[in-house]
Amino acid sequence: MSYELKWLIYTTVLTSLLWVPYILNRISVRGLLPAMGYADETAAPHAPWAARAMKAHSNAVENLVLFAPLVLALHVLGISNDTTQMAVLVYFAMRVVHYFAYVFAVPVLRTLVFAVSWVALLALAYQALGGL
């Protein structure tokens, strides 16, 4: 398995776990059975941090849709080098920091790490395109 595919799997697992904190908050606020049902306008709201966790999770899913095909394209093309390996590592690290910056409401840091993860995506695309 390539280094890039390994980090794609790590990123997918990370993204698949980001729902857990806000669901636990939902259970603590609404109770187990109501949390398992469909919320209506009378349902108790999430804590502010949990609402931000939901948004951070959505953002991670939206960006996984960009990250995964780039890594898969690199794999199919047989491209793996220092740049691609650094880019996937940076992307993963920035997604972790982005989640916590979002949950703990650190706006400038959140934006900066999002931008760095976006640059990592561009680096992967550049490599997949053969360095233009």
N, C-alpha and C. Protein backbone atom coordinates (compact mmCIF):
# COMPACT_ATOMS: atom_id res chain seq x y z
N MET A 1 0.84 -1.17 0.00
CA MET A 1 0.00 0.00 0.00
C MET A 1 0.88 1.23 0.00
N SER A 2 0.53 2.20 -0.82
CA SER A 2 1.34 3.42 -0.89
C SER A 2 1.12 4.28 0.35
N TYR A 3 2.08 5.13 0.59
CA TYR A 3 2.01 6.08 1.70
C TYR A 3 0.76 6.95 1.58
N GLU A 4 0.48 7.40 0.37
CA GLU A 4 -0.67 8.27 0.13
C GLU A 4 -1.99 7.55 0.41
N LEU A 5 -2.09 6.30 -0.01
CA LEU A 5 -3.31 5.53 0.27
C LEU A 5 -3.49 5.31 1.77
N LYS A 6 -2.39 5.08 2.47
CA LYS A 6 -2.47 4.90 3.92
C LYS A 6 -3.06 6.15 4.57
N TRP A 7 -2.61 7.33 4.13
CA TRP A 7 -3.12 8.57 4.71
C TRP A 7 -4.55 8.87 4.25
N LEU A 8 -4.93 8.39 3.09
CA LEU A 8 -6.33 8.49 2.68
C LEU A 8 -7.20 7.67 3.63
N ILE A 9 -6.75 6.49 3.97
CA ILE A 9 -7.51 5.65 4.91
C ILE A 9 -7.58 6.32 6.28
N TYR A 10 -6.46 6.85 6.77
CA TYR A 10 -6.47 7.55 8.05
C TYR A 10 -7.45 8.73 8.01
N THR A 11 -7.43 9.48 6.93
CA THR A 11 -8.30 10.64 6.80
C THR A 11 -9.77 10.22 6.74
N THR A 12 -10.05 9.13 6.06
CA THR A 12 -11.42 8.63 5.98
C THR A 12 -11.90 8.16 7.35
N VAL A 13 -11.04 7.46 8.08
CA VAL A 13 -11.41 7.01 9.43
C VAL A 13 -11.63 8.22 10.34
N LEU A 14 -10.74 9.19 10.29
CA LEU A 14 -10.92 10.41 11.07
C LEU A 14 -12.28 11.04 10.77
N THR A 15 -12.56 11.23 9.49
CA THR A 15 -13.81 11.87 9.09
C THR A 15 -15.01 11.05 9.56
N SER A 16 -14.87 9.74 9.53
CA SER A 16 -15.98 8.88 9.95
C SER A 16 -16.24 8.91 11.45
N LEU A 17 -15.31 9.44 12.22
CA LEU A 17 -15.47 9.51 13.68
C LEU A 17 -15.89 10.89 14.18
N LEU A 18 -15.86 11.90 13.34
CA LEU A 18 -16.10 13.26 13.80
C LEU A 18 -17.54 13.52 14.25
N TRP A 19 -18.46 12.63 13.94
CA TRP A 19 -19.85 12.79 14.38
C TRP A 19 -20.05 12.41 15.84
N VAL A 20 -19.16 11.61 16.40
CA VAL A 20 -19.36 11.06 17.73
C VAL A 20 -19.52 12.14 18.81
N PRO A 21 -18.66 13.16 18.90
CA PRO A 21 -18.84 14.14 19.97
C PRO A 21 -20.19 14.86 19.93
N TYR A 22 -20.64 15.29 18.75
CA TYR A 22 -21.90 16.03 18.76
C TYR A 22 -23.11 15.12 18.96
N ILE A 23 -23.00 13.86 18.61
CA ILE A 23 -24.09 12.92 18.91
C ILE A 23 -24.15 12.65 20.41
N LEU A 24 -23.00 12.54 21.05
CA LEU A 24 -23.00 12.37 22.51
C LEU A 24 -23.61 13.59 23.18
N ASN A 25 -23.34 14.78 22.67
CA ASN A 25 -23.97 15.98 23.20
C ASN A 25 -25.48 15.93 22.99
N ARG A 26 -25.91 15.50 21.82
CA ARG A 26 -27.34 15.40 21.53
C ARG A 26 -28.02 14.44 22.52
N ILE A 27 -27.37 13.32 22.80
CA ILE A 27 -27.92 12.35 23.75
C ILE A 27 -28.01 12.97 25.14
N SER A 28 -26.95 13.69 25.55
CA SER A 28 -26.95 14.28 26.89
C SER A 28 -28.00 15.39 27.02
N VAL A 29 -28.29 16.10 25.94
CA VAL A 29 -29.27 17.20 25.98
C VAL A 29 -30.69 16.68 25.84
N ARG A 30 -30.91 15.75 24.93
CA ARG A 30 -32.27 15.31 24.59
C ARG A 30 -32.65 13.97 25.20
N GLY A 31 -31.66 13.18 25.59
CA GLY A 31 -31.94 11.82 26.03
C GLY A 31 -31.71 10.85 24.88
N LEU A 32 -31.50 9.59 25.22
CA LEU A 32 -31.14 8.60 24.20
C LEU A 32 -32.23 8.39 23.16
N LEU A 33 -33.44 8.10 23.59
CA LEU A 33 -34.50 7.82 22.62
C LEU A 33 -34.84 9.03 21.75
N PRO A 34 -35.03 10.22 22.33
CA PRO A 34 -35.28 11.38 21.46
C PRO A 34 -34.11 11.68 20.50
N ALA A 35 -32.89 11.43 20.95
CA ALA A 35 -31.73 11.66 20.09
C ALA A 35 -31.72 10.71 18.90
N MET A 36 -32.35 9.56 19.05
CA MET A 36 -32.39 8.58 17.97
C MET A 36 -33.52 8.86 16.98
N GLY A 37 -34.40 9.79 17.33
CA GLY A 37 -35.52 10.13 16.45
C GLY A 37 -35.20 11.34 15.59
N TYR A 38 -36.22 11.85 14.95
CA TYR A 38 -36.08 13.04 14.12
C TYR A 38 -36.41 14.27 14.95
N ALA A 39 -35.51 15.23 14.93
CA ALA A 39 -35.71 16.45 15.71
C ALA A 39 -36.76 17.33 15.04
N ASP A 40 -37.52 18.00 15.86
CA ASP A 40 -38.43 19.01 15.33
C ASP A 40 -38.06 20.34 15.96
N GLU A 41 -38.86 21.35 15.71
CA GLU A 41 -38.52 22.69 16.20
C GLU A 41 -38.60 22.80 17.72
N THR A 42 -39.22 21.82 18.40
CA THR A 42 -39.30 21.87 19.85
C THR A 42 -38.14 21.13 20.53
N ALA A 43 -37.29 20.47 19.76
CA ALA A 43 -36.17 19.72 20.33
C ALA A 43 -35.15 20.68 20.94
N ALA A 44 -34.56 20.24 22.04
CA ALA A 44 -33.53 21.05 22.69
C ALA A 44 -32.34 21.19 21.75
N PRO A 45 -31.77 22.40 21.68
CA PRO A 45 -30.63 22.60 20.77
C PRO A 45 -29.35 21.97 21.32
N HIS A 46 -28.41 21.80 20.42
CA HIS A 46 -27.08 21.34 20.82
C HIS A 46 -26.39 22.46 21.59
N ALA A 47 -25.35 22.09 22.32
CA ALA A 47 -24.46 23.09 22.89
C ALA A 47 -23.77 23.81 21.73
N PRO A 48 -23.37 25.07 21.91
CA PRO A 48 -22.71 25.79 20.80
C PRO A 48 -21.50 25.05 20.24
N TRP A 49 -20.70 24.43 21.10
CA TRP A 49 -19.54 23.70 20.59
C TRP A 49 -19.97 22.52 19.73
N ALA A 50 -21.07 21.87 20.10
CA ALA A 50 -21.54 20.72 19.33
C ALA A 50 -22.07 21.15 17.97
N ALA A 51 -22.72 22.30 17.93
CA ALA A 51 -23.18 22.83 16.64
C ALA A 51 -21.98 23.12 15.73
N ARG A 52 -20.91 23.65 16.32
CA ARG A 52 -19.69 23.88 15.54
C ARG A 52 -19.05 22.56 15.12
N ALA A 53 -19.11 21.55 15.98
CA ALA A 53 -18.57 20.23 15.62
C ALA A 53 -19.31 19.65 14.42
N MET A 54 -20.62 19.86 14.37
CA MET A 54 -21.40 19.39 13.22
C MET A 54 -20.92 20.07 11.93
N LYS A 55 -20.67 21.38 12.03
CA LYS A 55 -20.20 22.12 10.85
C LYS A 55 -18.80 21.68 10.45
N ALA A 56 -17.95 21.43 11.44
CA ALA A 56 -16.59 20.96 11.14
C ALA A 56 -16.63 19.59 10.48
N HIS A 57 -17.52 18.74 10.94
CA HIS A 57 -17.67 17.41 10.35
C HIS A 57 -18.15 17.53 8.91
N SER A 58 -19.13 18.39 8.67
CA SER A 58 -19.62 18.60 7.30
C SER A 58 -18.50 19.11 6.40
N ASN A 59 -17.69 20.03 6.92
CA ASN A 59 -16.58 20.55 6.15
C ASN A 59 -15.57 19.45 5.83
N ALA A 60 -15.32 18.57 6.79
CA ALA A 60 -14.39 17.46 6.56
C ALA A 60 -14.90 16.53 5.47
N VAL A 61 -16.21 16.25 5.50
CA VAL A 61 -16.81 15.39 4.47
C VAL A 61 -16.69 16.05 3.10
N GLU A 62 -17.00 17.35 3.04
CA GLU A 62 -16.92 18.07 1.77
C GLU A 62 -15.51 18.06 1.20
N ASN A 63 -14.52 18.15 2.06
CA ASN A 63 -13.13 18.17 1.59
C ASN A 63 -12.58 16.78 1.31
N LEU A 64 -13.13 15.76 1.97
CA LEU A 64 -12.74 14.39 1.66
C LEU A 64 -13.10 14.05 0.22
N VAL A 65 -14.18 14.64 -0.25
CA VAL A 65 -14.62 14.43 -1.64
C VAL A 65 -13.57 14.96 -2.63
N LEU A 66 -12.79 15.93 -2.22
CA LEU A 66 -11.71 16.46 -3.06
C LEU A 66 -10.42 15.66 -2.87
N PHE A 67 -10.13 15.32 -1.63
CA PHE A 67 -8.89 14.64 -1.29
C PHE A 67 -8.83 13.22 -1.86
N ALA A 68 -9.89 12.46 -1.65
CA ALA A 68 -9.88 11.04 -2.05
C ALA A 68 -9.61 10.83 -3.54
N PRO A 69 -10.31 11.53 -4.45
CA PRO A 69 -10.02 11.27 -5.87
C PRO A 69 -8.61 11.67 -6.28
N LEU A 70 -8.06 12.70 -5.63
CA LEU A 70 -6.69 13.09 -5.96
C LEU A 70 -5.71 11.99 -5.55
N VAL A 71 -5.89 11.45 -4.35
CA VAL A 71 -5.01 10.37 -3.90
C VAL A 71 -5.18 9.14 -4.77
N LEU A 72 -6.42 8.82 -5.10
CA LEU A 72 -6.67 7.65 -5.96
C LEU A 72 -6.08 7.85 -7.35
N ALA A 73 -6.17 9.07 -7.87
CA ALA A 73 -5.57 9.36 -9.18
C ALA A 73 -4.06 9.18 -9.13
N LEU A 74 -3.43 9.68 -8.06
CA LEU A 74 -1.99 9.51 -7.91
C LEU A 74 -1.63 8.03 -7.87
N HIS A 75 -2.44 7.26 -7.16
CA HIS A 75 -2.18 5.82 -7.06
C HIS A 75 -2.27 5.15 -8.43
N VAL A 76 -3.33 5.44 -9.15
CA VAL A 76 -3.53 4.84 -10.48
C VAL A 76 -2.40 5.25 -11.42
N LEU A 77 -1.96 6.50 -11.31
CA LEU A 77 -0.89 7.00 -12.17
C LEU A 77 0.49 6.54 -11.71
N GLY A 78 0.57 5.93 -10.55
CA GLY A 78 1.85 5.46 -10.03
C GLY A 78 2.76 6.59 -9.57
N ILE A 79 2.16 7.67 -9.10
CA ILE A 79 2.94 8.83 -8.66
C ILE A 79 3.00 8.84 -7.13
N SER A 80 4.19 8.79 -6.61
CA SER A 80 4.43 8.91 -5.18
C SER A 80 5.82 9.50 -5.03
N ASN A 81 5.90 10.65 -4.43
CA ASN A 81 7.20 11.30 -4.25
C ASN A 81 7.17 12.11 -2.95
N ASP A 82 8.26 12.80 -2.69
CA ASP A 82 8.34 13.58 -1.45
C ASP A 82 7.21 14.60 -1.35
N THR A 83 6.86 15.22 -2.47
CA THR A 83 5.81 16.24 -2.46
C THR A 83 4.45 15.63 -2.13
N THR A 84 4.10 14.52 -2.77
CA THR A 84 2.80 13.91 -2.50
C THR A 84 2.73 13.35 -1.08
N GLN A 85 3.84 12.80 -0.61
CA GLN A 85 3.85 12.26 0.75
C GLN A 85 3.72 13.36 1.79
N MET A 86 4.39 14.47 1.56
CA MET A 86 4.27 15.60 2.48
C MET A 86 2.87 16.20 2.41
N ALA A 87 2.31 16.28 1.22
CA ALA A 87 0.99 16.89 1.04
C ALA A 87 -0.10 16.09 1.77
N VAL A 88 -0.06 14.76 1.69
CA VAL A 88 -1.10 13.98 2.37
C VAL A 88 -0.96 14.06 3.89
N LEU A 89 0.28 14.11 4.37
CA LEU A 89 0.51 14.25 5.80
C LEU A 89 0.04 15.62 6.29
N VAL A 90 0.39 16.66 5.56
CA VAL A 90 -0.04 18.02 5.91
C VAL A 90 -1.56 18.12 5.87
N TYR A 91 -2.17 17.55 4.83
CA TYR A 91 -3.62 17.60 4.71
C TYR A 91 -4.28 16.97 5.95
N PHE A 92 -3.83 15.78 6.33
CA PHE A 92 -4.40 15.10 7.49
C PHE A 92 -4.22 15.95 8.75
N ALA A 93 -3.01 16.42 8.98
CA ALA A 93 -2.74 17.21 10.18
C ALA A 93 -3.59 18.47 10.22
N MET A 94 -3.74 19.12 9.09
CA MET A 94 -4.55 20.34 9.05
C MET A 94 -6.03 20.05 9.28
N ARG A 95 -6.50 18.89 8.84
CA ARG A 95 -7.91 18.53 9.09
C ARG A 95 -8.14 18.31 10.58
N VAL A 96 -7.17 17.72 11.27
CA VAL A 96 -7.29 17.53 12.72
C VAL A 96 -7.32 18.89 13.42
N VAL A 97 -6.37 19.75 13.07
CA VAL A 97 -6.32 21.08 13.70
C VAL A 97 -7.57 21.87 13.34
N HIS A 98 -8.03 21.78 12.10
CA HIS A 98 -9.24 22.50 11.68
C HIS A 98 -10.44 22.10 12.53
N TYR A 99 -10.60 20.81 12.78
CA TYR A 99 -11.73 20.33 13.59
C TYR A 99 -11.71 20.98 14.97
N PHE A 100 -10.56 20.92 15.64
CA PHE A 100 -10.49 21.47 16.99
C PHE A 100 -10.57 22.99 17.00
N ALA A 101 -9.99 23.64 16.00
CA ALA A 101 -10.11 25.09 15.91
C ALA A 101 -11.57 25.50 15.70
N TYR A 102 -12.30 24.73 14.93
CA TYR A 102 -13.72 25.00 14.70
C TYR A 102 -14.52 24.77 15.99
N VAL A 103 -14.32 23.62 16.63
CA VAL A 103 -15.07 23.27 17.84
C VAL A 103 -14.81 24.28 18.95
N PHE A 104 -13.56 24.71 19.11
CA PHE A 104 -13.21 25.63 20.18
C PHE A 104 -13.28 27.10 19.74
N ALA A 105 -13.84 27.35 18.56
CA ALA A 105 -14.11 28.70 18.07
C ALA A 105 -12.86 29.57 18.00
N VAL A 106 -11.84 29.08 17.31
CA VAL A 106 -10.61 29.84 17.09
C VAL A 106 -10.62 30.25 15.61
N PRO A 107 -11.27 31.38 15.28
CA PRO A 107 -11.54 31.70 13.88
C PRO A 107 -10.32 31.90 12.99
N VAL A 108 -9.32 32.63 13.41
CA VAL A 108 -8.17 32.88 12.54
C VAL A 108 -7.40 31.59 12.28
N LEU A 109 -7.17 30.82 13.32
CA LEU A 109 -6.46 29.54 13.16
C LEU A 109 -7.25 28.62 12.24
N ARG A 110 -8.56 28.57 12.44
CA ARG A 110 -9.40 27.70 11.60
C ARG A 110 -9.24 28.05 10.13
N THR A 111 -9.26 29.32 9.81
CA THR A 111 -9.14 29.76 8.42
C THR A 111 -7.75 29.46 7.87
N LEU A 112 -6.73 29.70 8.67
CA LEU A 112 -5.36 29.46 8.21
C LEU A 112 -5.11 27.98 7.93
N VAL A 113 -5.55 27.10 8.82
CA VAL A 113 -5.30 25.68 8.59
C VAL A 113 -6.15 25.15 7.44
N PHE A 114 -7.33 25.72 7.25
CA PHE A 114 -8.13 25.34 6.09
C PHE A 114 -7.37 25.71 4.82
N ALA A 115 -6.78 26.91 4.80
CA ALA A 115 -6.03 27.35 3.62
C ALA A 115 -4.82 26.44 3.37
N VAL A 116 -4.14 26.04 4.42
CA VAL A 116 -2.99 25.14 4.26
C VAL A 116 -3.44 23.79 3.71
N SER A 117 -4.57 23.28 4.19
CA SER A 117 -5.07 22.00 3.66
C SER A 117 -5.47 22.14 2.20
N TRP A 118 -5.98 23.31 1.83
CA TRP A 118 -6.34 23.56 0.43
C TRP A 118 -5.08 23.59 -0.45
N VAL A 119 -4.01 24.19 0.05
CA VAL A 119 -2.74 24.21 -0.69
C VAL A 119 -2.22 22.77 -0.84
N ALA A 120 -2.40 21.95 0.17
CA ALA A 120 -1.99 20.54 0.05
C ALA A 120 -2.77 19.84 -1.06
N LEU A 121 -4.07 20.15 -1.18
CA LEU A 121 -4.87 19.60 -2.28
C LEU A 121 -4.33 20.07 -3.63
N LEU A 122 -3.97 21.34 -3.71
CA LEU A 122 -3.41 21.87 -4.96
C LEU A 122 -2.10 21.17 -5.30
N ALA A 123 -1.28 20.90 -4.29
CA ALA A 123 -0.01 20.21 -4.53
C ALA A 123 -0.26 18.81 -5.08
N LEU A 124 -1.26 18.13 -4.54
CA LEU A 124 -1.60 16.79 -5.05
C LEU A 124 -2.09 16.86 -6.49
N ALA A 125 -2.94 17.84 -6.77
CA ALA A 125 -3.46 18.00 -8.13
C ALA A 125 -2.32 18.31 -9.10
N TYR A 126 -1.42 19.17 -8.68
CA TYR A 126 -0.27 19.54 -9.52
C TYR A 126 0.57 18.31 -9.86
N GLN A 127 0.81 17.48 -8.86
CA GLN A 127 1.59 16.26 -9.09
C GLN A 127 0.84 15.29 -9.99
N ALA A 128 -0.47 15.18 -9.79
CA ALA A 128 -1.27 14.27 -10.62
C ALA A 128 -1.28 14.71 -12.08
N LEU A 129 -1.20 16.01 -12.29
CA LEU A 129 -1.17 16.54 -13.66
C LEU A 129 0.23 16.53 -14.25
N GLY A 130 1.14 15.88 -13.58
CA GLY A 130 2.50 15.75 -14.10
C GLY A 130 3.33 17.00 -13.92
N GLY A 131 2.98 17.80 -12.94
CA GLY A 131 3.73 19.03 -12.70
C GLY A 131 3.55 20.05 -13.80
N LEU A 132 2.50 19.88 -14.58
CA LEU A 132 2.21 20.76 -15.72
C LEU A 132 3.48 20.96 -16.49
